[in-house]
Amino acid sequence: TMRILCLHDANSNTQHLKDQLCLLGENLFVKHSIDLIYINSPIVLPHDNDQRVWWQREAMAEEDSRPIYRGLDASLMLLQQVWTSLPYVGILGIGQGATVASILLSLVEVPPEFAIFVSGEALINTDDLQRSDNPISTLHLVDTPVSESQERLIRQFGGIVQPRSSDRRITAFDLNKIGRFVCEQRKLLLSQLNSHS
C-alpha cells in the first residue's frame, strides 16, 4: 500500500477533507492500493472545536515588522513526527494545508515522490525550495486569478499548474486532476522499483 498524507485547509478538519475526497479516496484504494492518510492540525479555534488551523496570523503593530504565525512551529513539529512515523509517497494539501506542506518538504530528510498543492500559498520568501539532488513532482491547482503568493509557491516547486474555479470547494474537476496525477506518479514509481529489482 502506498500512502499519501492529506492536510486540510484552515477552518476545517480531517473529517471535512475526508468527505470532500471520499470518492477519490475509495477509487485510489480499491483500484491502486493507495491510502489517503488524514491528520488534524494541532490548533483548535476557540469558538468552534470542529474548526482547526495550522497557524493563526497576527499582524505586528509596526508597519515594517513581519507578521507572526502563531502555532506554525507546533504544526511543523507534529507533521515532522507524522512524516517519520510511516513511509509516504506523496503529500496533498488544501489551502493552509498546502502551505504548511510546502514548508514541511523543506525540512524533512526523506521527501515524498510527489506533492499536490490545492490553492496553496508560499510563506517563505524565496524562489527555490526544491532539492536539486531529488526534485519532487508537483501538481498545483491554483485559484484564478493567481495571487502573487501562489505564483511564488509555483516558482519554489515547479511542476504542473492547472487553474481551478474560484470556488474554494473541491470540485469534480479538481478530483479528476488529482486522481490522474496520482495514478501517473504511481506508474512512474512502480516502473522505477521494477527497474531496480
N, C-alpha and C. Protein backbone atom coordinates (compact mmCIF):
# COMPACT_ATOMS: atom_id res chain seq x y z
N THR A 1 0.83 -1.19 0.00
CA THR A 1 0.00 0.00 0.00
C THR A 1 0.87 1.24 0.00
N MET A 2 0.55 2.17 -0.88
CA MET A 2 1.22 3.47 -0.91
C MET A 2 0.36 4.46 -0.14
N ARG A 3 1.02 5.35 0.60
CA ARG A 3 0.29 6.31 1.43
C ARG A 3 0.54 7.74 0.96
N ILE A 4 -0.54 8.54 1.02
CA ILE A 4 -0.45 9.98 0.74
C ILE A 4 -0.96 10.70 1.98
N LEU A 5 -0.14 11.60 2.51
CA LEU A 5 -0.54 12.41 3.66
C LEU A 5 -1.39 13.57 3.18
N CYS A 6 -2.58 13.73 3.78
CA CYS A 6 -3.54 14.76 3.35
C CYS A 6 -3.76 15.78 4.46
N LEU A 7 -3.59 17.06 4.12
CA LEU A 7 -3.67 18.14 5.09
C LEU A 7 -4.80 19.09 4.73
N HIS A 8 -5.72 19.27 5.67
CA HIS A 8 -6.91 20.10 5.45
C HIS A 8 -6.59 21.59 5.42
N ASP A 9 -7.56 22.36 4.99
CA ASP A 9 -7.44 23.82 4.92
C ASP A 9 -7.68 24.43 6.30
N ALA A 10 -7.52 25.73 6.41
CA ALA A 10 -7.85 26.46 7.64
C ALA A 10 -9.36 26.41 7.86
N ASN A 11 -9.75 26.52 9.11
CA ASN A 11 -11.18 26.49 9.48
C ASN A 11 -11.86 25.22 8.98
N SER A 12 -11.15 24.12 9.08
CA SER A 12 -11.64 22.83 8.60
C SER A 12 -11.11 21.75 9.54
N ASN A 13 -11.20 20.49 9.12
CA ASN A 13 -10.66 19.37 9.89
C ASN A 13 -10.56 18.15 8.98
N THR A 14 -10.05 17.05 9.53
CA THR A 14 -9.85 15.86 8.69
C THR A 14 -11.17 15.29 8.18
N GLN A 15 -12.20 15.31 9.01
CA GLN A 15 -13.48 14.74 8.57
C GLN A 15 -14.05 15.51 7.38
N HIS A 16 -13.92 16.83 7.42
CA HIS A 16 -14.40 17.65 6.31
C HIS A 16 -13.64 17.33 5.03
N LEU A 17 -12.30 17.21 5.14
CA LEU A 17 -11.49 16.89 3.95
C LEU A 17 -11.79 15.48 3.46
N LYS A 18 -11.96 14.55 4.40
CA LYS A 18 -12.30 13.17 4.03
C LYS A 18 -13.59 13.12 3.24
N ASP A 19 -14.57 13.90 3.69
CA ASP A 19 -15.86 13.96 2.98
C ASP A 19 -15.67 14.51 1.57
N GLN A 20 -14.82 15.53 1.41
CA GLN A 20 -14.59 16.11 0.09
C GLN A 20 -13.86 15.15 -0.84
N LEU A 21 -12.95 14.35 -0.29
CA LEU A 21 -12.12 13.45 -1.11
C LEU A 21 -12.62 12.00 -1.08
N CYS A 22 -13.83 11.78 -0.57
CA CYS A 22 -14.34 10.43 -0.34
C CYS A 22 -14.28 9.55 -1.59
N LEU A 23 -14.84 10.01 -2.67
CA LEU A 23 -14.87 9.21 -3.90
C LEU A 23 -13.47 8.95 -4.43
N LEU A 24 -12.63 9.97 -4.43
CA LEU A 24 -11.25 9.82 -4.87
C LEU A 24 -10.52 8.80 -3.99
N GLY A 25 -10.67 8.94 -2.68
CA GLY A 25 -10.01 8.02 -1.75
C GLY A 25 -10.42 6.58 -1.95
N GLU A 26 -11.71 6.35 -2.15
CA GLU A 26 -12.21 4.98 -2.38
C GLU A 26 -11.63 4.40 -3.66
N ASN A 27 -11.66 5.19 -4.74
CA ASN A 27 -11.15 4.69 -6.03
C ASN A 27 -9.65 4.40 -5.97
N LEU A 28 -8.89 5.30 -5.35
CA LEU A 28 -7.45 5.08 -5.27
C LEU A 28 -7.12 3.84 -4.44
N PHE A 29 -7.87 3.62 -3.38
CA PHE A 29 -7.58 2.47 -2.52
C PHE A 29 -7.98 1.16 -3.19
N VAL A 30 -9.18 1.10 -3.74
CA VAL A 30 -9.68 -0.14 -4.33
C VAL A 30 -8.93 -0.50 -5.61
N LYS A 31 -8.69 0.48 -6.47
CA LYS A 31 -8.09 0.19 -7.78
C LYS A 31 -6.57 0.18 -7.77
N HIS A 32 -5.95 0.95 -6.83
CA HIS A 32 -4.49 1.12 -6.91
C HIS A 32 -3.75 0.90 -5.60
N SER A 33 -4.44 0.48 -4.56
CA SER A 33 -3.83 0.28 -3.22
C SER A 33 -3.11 1.52 -2.72
N ILE A 34 -3.73 2.68 -2.95
CA ILE A 34 -3.20 3.94 -2.45
C ILE A 34 -4.12 4.41 -1.33
N ASP A 35 -3.54 4.65 -0.17
CA ASP A 35 -4.30 5.01 1.01
C ASP A 35 -4.09 6.48 1.34
N LEU A 36 -5.18 7.23 1.46
CA LEU A 36 -5.10 8.62 1.87
C LEU A 36 -5.13 8.67 3.40
N ILE A 37 -4.11 9.28 3.99
CA ILE A 37 -3.99 9.37 5.45
C ILE A 37 -4.23 10.83 5.85
N TYR A 38 -5.21 11.04 6.71
CA TYR A 38 -5.59 12.40 7.11
C TYR A 38 -5.10 12.68 8.53
N ILE A 39 -4.70 13.92 8.76
CA ILE A 39 -4.28 14.33 10.10
C ILE A 39 -4.85 15.71 10.41
N ASN A 40 -5.33 15.87 11.64
CA ASN A 40 -5.83 17.16 12.10
C ASN A 40 -4.67 18.06 12.51
N SER A 41 -4.82 19.34 12.25
CA SER A 41 -3.84 20.30 12.77
C SER A 41 -3.99 20.36 14.29
N PRO A 42 -2.94 20.74 14.99
CA PRO A 42 -3.00 20.75 16.46
C PRO A 42 -3.71 21.96 17.06
N ILE A 43 -4.08 22.93 16.25
CA ILE A 43 -4.64 24.17 16.78
C ILE A 43 -6.15 24.22 16.55
N VAL A 44 -6.89 24.21 17.65
CA VAL A 44 -8.35 24.26 17.60
C VAL A 44 -8.78 25.70 17.81
N LEU A 45 -9.72 26.16 16.99
CA LEU A 45 -10.22 27.52 17.15
C LEU A 45 -11.11 27.59 18.39
N PRO A 46 -10.96 28.62 19.20
CA PRO A 46 -11.68 28.68 20.48
C PRO A 46 -13.20 28.73 20.34
N HIS A 47 -13.72 29.31 19.29
CA HIS A 47 -15.16 29.44 19.14
C HIS A 47 -15.83 28.20 18.55
N ASP A 48 -15.03 27.26 18.04
CA ASP A 48 -15.62 26.07 17.40
C ASP A 48 -14.61 24.93 17.44
N ASN A 49 -14.87 23.92 18.25
CA ASN A 49 -13.93 22.81 18.41
C ASN A 49 -13.74 21.97 17.15
N ASP A 50 -14.66 22.09 16.19
CA ASP A 50 -14.54 21.33 14.94
C ASP A 50 -13.64 22.02 13.93
N GLN A 51 -13.39 23.30 14.12
CA GLN A 51 -12.58 24.05 13.16
C GLN A 51 -11.15 24.16 13.67
N ARG A 52 -10.22 23.82 12.78
CA ARG A 52 -8.81 23.85 13.13
C ARG A 52 -8.04 24.67 12.11
N VAL A 53 -6.87 25.14 12.53
CA VAL A 53 -5.97 25.87 11.64
C VAL A 53 -4.55 25.35 11.87
N TRP A 54 -3.69 25.56 10.89
CA TRP A 54 -2.28 25.17 11.03
C TRP A 54 -1.48 26.29 11.70
N TRP A 55 -1.99 27.52 11.63
CA TRP A 55 -1.41 28.66 12.33
C TRP A 55 -2.44 29.78 12.32
N GLN A 56 -2.21 30.77 13.19
CA GLN A 56 -3.01 31.99 13.18
C GLN A 56 -2.07 33.16 12.93
N ARG A 57 -2.41 33.93 11.95
CA ARG A 57 -1.57 35.07 11.56
C ARG A 57 -1.93 36.29 12.40
N GLU A 58 -0.91 36.90 12.97
CA GLU A 58 -1.10 38.12 13.75
C GLU A 58 -0.20 39.20 13.17
N ALA A 59 -0.80 40.32 12.83
CA ALA A 59 -0.03 41.44 12.28
C ALA A 59 0.66 42.17 13.42
N MET A 60 1.83 42.65 13.15
CA MET A 60 2.58 43.42 14.14
C MET A 60 2.11 44.88 14.11
N ALA A 61 2.28 45.57 15.24
CA ALA A 61 1.86 46.96 15.33
C ALA A 61 2.69 47.86 14.42
N GLU A 62 3.97 47.57 14.32
CA GLU A 62 4.84 48.39 13.48
C GLU A 62 4.69 47.99 12.02
N GLU A 63 4.67 48.95 11.13
CA GLU A 63 4.42 48.69 9.71
C GLU A 63 5.51 47.85 9.07
N ASP A 64 6.77 48.03 9.48
CA ASP A 64 7.88 47.33 8.84
C ASP A 64 8.08 45.91 9.36
N SER A 65 7.40 45.54 10.42
CA SER A 65 7.60 44.21 11.02
C SER A 65 6.84 43.14 10.24
N ARG A 66 7.39 41.96 10.24
CA ARG A 66 6.74 40.83 9.59
C ARG A 66 5.65 40.28 10.50
N PRO A 67 4.61 39.67 9.91
CA PRO A 67 3.57 39.09 10.75
C PRO A 67 4.09 37.88 11.53
N ILE A 68 3.40 37.56 12.60
CA ILE A 68 3.73 36.39 13.41
C ILE A 68 2.73 35.29 13.05
N TYR A 69 3.24 34.08 12.87
CA TYR A 69 2.38 32.93 12.56
C TYR A 69 2.32 32.05 13.80
N ARG A 70 1.38 32.33 14.69
CA ARG A 70 1.25 31.61 15.96
C ARG A 70 0.82 30.18 15.70
N GLY A 71 1.55 29.24 16.28
CA GLY A 71 1.21 27.83 16.17
C GLY A 71 1.88 27.11 15.02
N LEU A 72 2.51 27.84 14.11
CA LEU A 72 3.15 27.20 12.96
C LEU A 72 4.24 26.24 13.39
N ASP A 73 5.02 26.61 14.40
CA ASP A 73 6.08 25.73 14.88
C ASP A 73 5.52 24.43 15.45
N ALA A 74 4.42 24.51 16.18
CA ALA A 74 3.78 23.30 16.74
C ALA A 74 3.25 22.41 15.62
N SER A 75 2.66 23.03 14.61
CA SER A 75 2.14 22.26 13.47
C SER A 75 3.27 21.55 12.74
N LEU A 76 4.38 22.24 12.52
CA LEU A 76 5.50 21.63 11.81
C LEU A 76 6.14 20.51 12.62
N MET A 77 6.21 20.68 13.94
CA MET A 77 6.75 19.60 14.79
C MET A 77 5.87 18.35 14.70
N LEU A 78 4.55 18.56 14.77
CA LEU A 78 3.61 17.43 14.65
C LEU A 78 3.77 16.75 13.29
N LEU A 79 3.82 17.53 12.23
CA LEU A 79 3.92 16.96 10.88
C LEU A 79 5.24 16.22 10.67
N GLN A 80 6.33 16.71 11.24
CA GLN A 80 7.60 16.00 11.13
C GLN A 80 7.53 14.65 11.82
N GLN A 81 6.85 14.58 12.97
CA GLN A 81 6.67 13.30 13.67
C GLN A 81 5.82 12.35 12.85
N VAL A 82 4.74 12.87 12.30
CA VAL A 82 3.85 12.04 11.47
C VAL A 82 4.61 11.55 10.24
N TRP A 83 5.39 12.44 9.62
CA TRP A 83 6.12 12.09 8.39
C TRP A 83 7.10 10.95 8.63
N THR A 84 7.77 10.96 9.77
CA THR A 84 8.76 9.92 10.05
C THR A 84 8.15 8.65 10.62
N SER A 85 6.87 8.68 10.99
CA SER A 85 6.23 7.50 11.60
C SER A 85 5.85 6.44 10.58
N LEU A 86 5.58 6.84 9.34
CA LEU A 86 5.18 5.92 8.27
C LEU A 86 5.83 6.36 6.96
N PRO A 87 6.03 5.43 6.04
CA PRO A 87 6.53 5.87 4.72
C PRO A 87 5.38 6.43 3.88
N TYR A 88 5.58 7.62 3.36
CA TYR A 88 4.59 8.27 2.48
C TYR A 88 5.23 8.48 1.11
N VAL A 89 4.44 8.25 0.06
CA VAL A 89 4.94 8.52 -1.29
C VAL A 89 4.57 9.92 -1.76
N GLY A 90 3.55 10.51 -1.11
CA GLY A 90 3.11 11.82 -1.55
C GLY A 90 2.46 12.61 -0.45
N ILE A 91 2.25 13.87 -0.74
CA ILE A 91 1.56 14.76 0.20
C ILE A 91 0.57 15.61 -0.59
N LEU A 92 -0.61 15.80 -0.02
CA LEU A 92 -1.69 16.57 -0.64
C LEU A 92 -2.15 17.59 0.39
N GLY A 93 -2.08 18.86 0.03
CA GLY A 93 -2.52 19.90 0.94
C GLY A 93 -3.51 20.83 0.27
N ILE A 94 -4.50 21.26 1.06
CA ILE A 94 -5.52 22.17 0.58
C ILE A 94 -5.37 23.50 1.32
N GLY A 95 -5.28 24.61 0.61
CA GLY A 95 -5.22 25.93 1.24
C GLY A 95 -4.08 26.04 2.23
N GLN A 96 -4.41 26.31 3.49
CA GLN A 96 -3.39 26.45 4.52
C GLN A 96 -2.61 25.13 4.69
N GLY A 97 -3.28 24.00 4.45
CA GLY A 97 -2.60 22.70 4.49
C GLY A 97 -1.55 22.56 3.40
N ALA A 98 -1.80 23.15 2.23
CA ALA A 98 -0.81 23.12 1.15
C ALA A 98 0.39 23.98 1.51
N THR A 99 0.12 25.10 2.14
CA THR A 99 1.21 25.99 2.53
C THR A 99 2.11 25.34 3.57
N VAL A 100 1.52 24.73 4.59
CA VAL A 100 2.32 24.07 5.62
C VAL A 100 3.04 22.85 5.05
N ALA A 101 2.43 22.18 4.08
CA ALA A 101 3.09 21.05 3.42
C ALA A 101 4.35 21.51 2.69
N SER A 102 4.28 22.67 2.05
CA SER A 102 5.45 23.16 1.31
C SER A 102 6.61 23.46 2.26
N ILE A 103 6.30 23.95 3.44
CA ILE A 103 7.35 24.22 4.42
C ILE A 103 7.91 22.91 4.96
N LEU A 104 7.02 21.95 5.23
CA LEU A 104 7.45 20.64 5.73
C LEU A 104 8.44 19.99 4.76
N LEU A 105 8.19 20.10 3.47
CA LEU A 105 9.05 19.46 2.47
C LEU A 105 10.46 20.03 2.47
N SER A 106 10.60 21.26 2.94
CA SER A 106 11.95 21.83 3.02
C SER A 106 12.68 21.38 4.29
N LEU A 107 11.97 20.71 5.21
CA LEU A 107 12.54 20.31 6.49
C LEU A 107 12.87 18.82 6.59
N VAL A 108 12.13 17.98 5.85
CA VAL A 108 12.28 16.53 6.03
C VAL A 108 13.51 16.00 5.29
N GLU A 109 14.12 14.96 5.86
CA GLU A 109 15.28 14.34 5.23
C GLU A 109 14.89 13.51 4.02
N VAL A 110 13.76 12.81 4.12
CA VAL A 110 13.29 11.97 3.02
C VAL A 110 12.03 12.60 2.44
N PRO A 111 12.16 13.31 1.32
CA PRO A 111 10.99 13.95 0.73
C PRO A 111 10.11 12.92 0.02
N PRO A 112 8.85 13.28 -0.26
CA PRO A 112 7.99 12.37 -1.00
C PRO A 112 8.35 12.34 -2.47
N GLU A 113 7.76 11.42 -3.18
CA GLU A 113 7.93 11.37 -4.64
C GLU A 113 7.17 12.50 -5.33
N PHE A 114 6.06 12.91 -4.72
CA PHE A 114 5.25 13.96 -5.34
C PHE A 114 4.49 14.76 -4.29
N ALA A 115 4.05 15.94 -4.72
CA ALA A 115 3.26 16.83 -3.87
C ALA A 115 2.14 17.43 -4.71
N ILE A 116 0.99 17.62 -4.06
CA ILE A 116 -0.16 18.25 -4.70
C ILE A 116 -0.58 19.42 -3.82
N PHE A 117 -0.53 20.62 -4.39
CA PHE A 117 -0.90 21.83 -3.66
C PHE A 117 -2.17 22.41 -4.28
N VAL A 118 -3.26 22.43 -3.52
CA VAL A 118 -4.52 22.99 -3.99
C VAL A 118 -4.73 24.33 -3.29
N SER A 119 -4.76 25.40 -4.07
CA SER A 119 -4.91 26.76 -3.53
C SER A 119 -3.85 27.06 -2.47
N GLY A 120 -2.64 26.58 -2.69
CA GLY A 120 -1.56 26.81 -1.74
C GLY A 120 -0.87 28.14 -1.98
N GLU A 121 -0.33 28.69 -0.90
CA GLU A 121 0.42 29.94 -0.99
C GLU A 121 1.75 29.76 -0.27
N ALA A 122 2.73 30.56 -0.67
CA ALA A 122 4.05 30.47 -0.07
C ALA A 122 4.16 31.43 1.10
N LEU A 123 4.69 30.94 2.22
CA LEU A 123 5.03 31.80 3.35
C LEU A 123 6.51 32.18 3.33
N ILE A 124 7.32 31.27 2.82
CA ILE A 124 8.76 31.50 2.77
C ILE A 124 9.08 32.33 1.54
N ASN A 125 9.81 33.42 1.75
CA ASN A 125 10.07 34.37 0.67
C ASN A 125 11.37 34.03 -0.07
N THR A 126 11.32 32.94 -0.80
CA THR A 126 12.44 32.54 -1.66
C THR A 126 11.85 31.91 -2.90
N ASP A 127 12.60 31.83 -3.96
CA ASP A 127 12.06 31.25 -5.19
C ASP A 127 12.46 29.81 -5.42
N ASP A 128 13.15 29.19 -4.47
CA ASP A 128 13.57 27.81 -4.70
C ASP A 128 13.63 27.03 -3.39
N LEU A 129 12.69 26.10 -3.23
CA LEU A 129 12.71 25.20 -2.08
C LEU A 129 13.02 23.77 -2.51
N GLN A 130 13.07 23.53 -3.82
CA GLN A 130 13.35 22.19 -4.33
C GLN A 130 14.80 21.80 -4.06
N ARG A 131 14.98 20.52 -3.79
CA ARG A 131 16.33 19.99 -3.67
C ARG A 131 16.78 19.58 -5.06
N SER A 132 17.92 20.08 -5.49
CA SER A 132 18.38 19.79 -6.84
C SER A 132 18.73 18.31 -7.00
N ASP A 133 19.12 17.64 -5.89
CA ASP A 133 19.50 16.24 -5.99
C ASP A 133 18.30 15.30 -6.07
N ASN A 134 17.13 15.77 -5.61
CA ASN A 134 15.96 14.91 -5.58
C ASN A 134 14.69 15.75 -5.75
N PRO A 135 14.43 16.27 -6.96
CA PRO A 135 13.26 17.12 -7.15
C PRO A 135 11.96 16.33 -6.99
N ILE A 136 10.95 17.02 -6.52
CA ILE A 136 9.64 16.41 -6.27
C ILE A 136 8.71 16.75 -7.44
N SER A 137 8.02 15.76 -7.98
CA SER A 137 6.99 16.03 -8.99
C SER A 137 5.84 16.74 -8.29
N THR A 138 5.37 17.83 -8.90
CA THR A 138 4.39 18.67 -8.22
C THR A 138 3.23 19.03 -9.14
N LEU A 139 2.03 19.00 -8.56
CA LEU A 139 0.82 19.49 -9.22
C LEU A 139 0.29 20.65 -8.39
N HIS A 140 0.09 21.79 -9.06
CA HIS A 140 -0.51 22.97 -8.43
C HIS A 140 -1.90 23.17 -9.03
N LEU A 141 -2.93 23.12 -8.21
CA LEU A 141 -4.27 23.53 -8.63
C LEU A 141 -4.47 24.92 -8.05
N VAL A 142 -4.49 25.92 -8.92
CA VAL A 142 -4.44 27.31 -8.47
C VAL A 142 -5.77 28.02 -8.70
N ASP A 143 -6.04 28.99 -7.82
CA ASP A 143 -7.22 29.83 -7.96
C ASP A 143 -7.00 30.81 -9.11
N THR A 144 -8.11 31.33 -9.64
CA THR A 144 -8.00 32.36 -10.66
C THR A 144 -8.70 33.61 -10.16
N PRO A 145 -8.06 34.75 -10.24
CA PRO A 145 -6.70 34.95 -10.72
C PRO A 145 -5.67 34.42 -9.73
N VAL A 146 -4.48 34.11 -10.22
CA VAL A 146 -3.42 33.57 -9.39
C VAL A 146 -2.79 34.70 -8.58
N SER A 147 -2.72 34.50 -7.27
CA SER A 147 -2.14 35.54 -6.40
C SER A 147 -0.62 35.51 -6.49
N GLU A 148 0.01 36.58 -6.03
CA GLU A 148 1.47 36.66 -6.02
C GLU A 148 2.07 35.55 -5.15
N SER A 149 1.40 35.24 -4.04
CA SER A 149 1.88 34.19 -3.14
C SER A 149 1.76 32.81 -3.77
N GLN A 150 0.69 32.58 -4.55
CA GLN A 150 0.57 31.32 -5.27
C GLN A 150 1.65 31.21 -6.35
N GLU A 151 1.92 32.31 -7.03
CA GLU A 151 2.97 32.30 -8.05
C GLU A 151 4.32 31.96 -7.44
N ARG A 152 4.59 32.47 -6.24
CA ARG A 152 5.86 32.17 -5.57
C ARG A 152 5.95 30.68 -5.24
N LEU A 153 4.85 30.08 -4.78
CA LEU A 153 4.86 28.64 -4.48
C LEU A 153 5.14 27.83 -5.75
N ILE A 154 4.58 28.26 -6.87
CA ILE A 154 4.83 27.59 -8.15
C ILE A 154 6.31 27.70 -8.52
N ARG A 155 6.90 28.87 -8.33
CA ARG A 155 8.33 29.04 -8.62
C ARG A 155 9.18 28.19 -7.68
N GLN A 156 8.77 28.05 -6.43
CA GLN A 156 9.54 27.29 -5.46
C GLN A 156 9.61 25.81 -5.82
N PHE A 157 8.52 25.25 -6.35
CA PHE A 157 8.48 23.81 -6.58
C PHE A 157 8.36 23.41 -8.05
N GLY A 158 8.02 24.36 -8.92
CA GLY A 158 7.85 23.99 -10.32
C GLY A 158 6.70 23.02 -10.48
N GLY A 159 6.68 22.32 -11.60
CA GLY A 159 5.66 21.30 -11.80
C GLY A 159 4.53 21.73 -12.70
N ILE A 160 3.46 20.96 -12.64
CA ILE A 160 2.27 21.17 -13.48
C ILE A 160 1.35 22.16 -12.78
N VAL A 161 0.84 23.13 -13.54
CA VAL A 161 -0.07 24.13 -13.00
C VAL A 161 -1.40 24.01 -13.73
N GLN A 162 -2.48 23.85 -12.97
CA GLN A 162 -3.83 23.75 -13.53
C GLN A 162 -4.72 24.77 -12.83
N PRO A 163 -5.42 25.62 -13.59
CA PRO A 163 -6.36 26.54 -12.94
C PRO A 163 -7.58 25.78 -12.42
N ARG A 164 -8.19 26.32 -11.38
CA ARG A 164 -9.43 25.76 -10.87
C ARG A 164 -10.45 26.88 -10.74
N SER A 165 -11.68 26.54 -10.43
CA SER A 165 -12.70 27.58 -10.28
C SER A 165 -12.38 28.42 -9.06
N SER A 166 -12.94 29.60 -8.99
CA SER A 166 -12.67 30.48 -7.86
C SER A 166 -13.37 29.99 -6.59
N ASP A 167 -14.24 29.02 -6.72
CA ASP A 167 -14.92 28.44 -5.57
C ASP A 167 -13.91 27.66 -4.73
N ARG A 168 -13.93 27.83 -3.41
CA ARG A 168 -12.95 27.19 -2.54
C ARG A 168 -13.24 25.71 -2.33
N ARG A 169 -14.43 25.24 -2.67
CA ARG A 169 -14.75 23.83 -2.50
C ARG A 169 -13.98 22.98 -3.51
N ILE A 170 -13.71 21.73 -3.13
CA ILE A 170 -13.09 20.78 -4.05
C ILE A 170 -14.18 20.31 -5.01
N THR A 171 -13.93 20.46 -6.31
CA THR A 171 -14.91 20.09 -7.33
C THR A 171 -14.53 18.77 -7.99
N ALA A 172 -15.45 18.26 -8.81
CA ALA A 172 -15.18 17.04 -9.57
C ALA A 172 -13.99 17.25 -10.50
N PHE A 173 -13.85 18.46 -11.04
CA PHE A 173 -12.70 18.80 -11.89
C PHE A 173 -11.40 18.63 -11.11
N ASP A 174 -11.37 19.16 -9.88
CA ASP A 174 -10.18 19.04 -9.03
C ASP A 174 -9.87 17.58 -8.74
N LEU A 175 -10.90 16.81 -8.37
CA LEU A 175 -10.70 15.40 -8.05
C LEU A 175 -10.15 14.62 -9.24
N ASN A 176 -10.65 14.94 -10.42
CA ASN A 176 -10.19 14.28 -11.64
C ASN A 176 -8.70 14.58 -11.89
N LYS A 177 -8.31 15.84 -11.76
CA LYS A 177 -6.91 16.23 -11.97
C LYS A 177 -6.00 15.56 -10.93
N ILE A 178 -6.43 15.55 -9.67
CA ILE A 178 -5.64 14.92 -8.62
C ILE A 178 -5.50 13.43 -8.87
N GLY A 179 -6.61 12.77 -9.19
CA GLY A 179 -6.59 11.32 -9.43
C GLY A 179 -5.67 10.93 -10.57
N ARG A 180 -5.75 11.67 -11.67
CA ARG A 180 -4.87 11.37 -12.82
C ARG A 180 -3.40 11.56 -12.47
N PHE A 181 -3.10 12.65 -11.76
CA PHE A 181 -1.72 12.92 -11.37
C PHE A 181 -1.19 11.82 -10.46
N VAL A 182 -1.98 11.43 -9.46
CA VAL A 182 -1.54 10.38 -8.53
C VAL A 182 -1.30 9.07 -9.26
N CYS A 183 -2.19 8.70 -10.18
CA CYS A 183 -2.02 7.44 -10.93
C CYS A 183 -0.77 7.49 -11.81
N GLU A 184 -0.49 8.64 -12.43
CA GLU A 184 0.74 8.77 -13.23
C GLU A 184 1.98 8.62 -12.35
N GLN A 185 1.94 9.23 -11.17
CA GLN A 185 3.08 9.13 -10.26
C GLN A 185 3.27 7.69 -9.77
N ARG A 186 2.17 6.99 -9.53
CA ARG A 186 2.24 5.59 -9.10
C ARG A 186 2.91 4.73 -10.18
N LYS A 187 2.52 4.96 -11.44
CA LYS A 187 3.12 4.21 -12.55
C LYS A 187 4.62 4.47 -12.62
N LEU A 188 5.03 5.73 -12.50
CA LEU A 188 6.45 6.08 -12.54
C LEU A 188 7.21 5.41 -11.39
N LEU A 189 6.63 5.43 -10.21
CA LEU A 189 7.28 4.84 -9.04
C LEU A 189 7.41 3.33 -9.20
N LEU A 190 6.36 2.69 -9.69
CA LEU A 190 6.42 1.23 -9.88
C LEU A 190 7.44 0.86 -10.95
N SER A 191 7.51 1.65 -12.02
CA SER A 191 8.50 1.34 -13.06
C SER A 191 9.92 1.53 -12.54
N GLN A 192 10.14 2.52 -11.68
CA GLN A 192 11.45 2.70 -11.07
C GLN A 192 11.79 1.54 -10.15
N LEU A 193 10.81 1.08 -9.38
CA LEU A 193 11.05 -0.06 -8.47
C LEU A 193 11.36 -1.32 -9.26
N ASN A 194 10.63 -1.54 -10.36
CA ASN A 194 10.86 -2.72 -11.20
C ASN A 194 12.22 -2.70 -11.87
N SER A 195 12.67 -1.51 -12.26
CA SER A 195 13.98 -1.42 -12.92
C SER A 195 15.13 -1.65 -11.95
N HIS A 196 14.90 -1.42 -10.65
CA HIS A 196 15.94 -1.63 -9.64
C HIS A 196 15.97 -3.07 -9.13
N SER A 197 14.90 -3.84 -9.43
CA SER A 197 14.87 -5.22 -8.89
C SER A 197 15.37 -6.25 -9.90
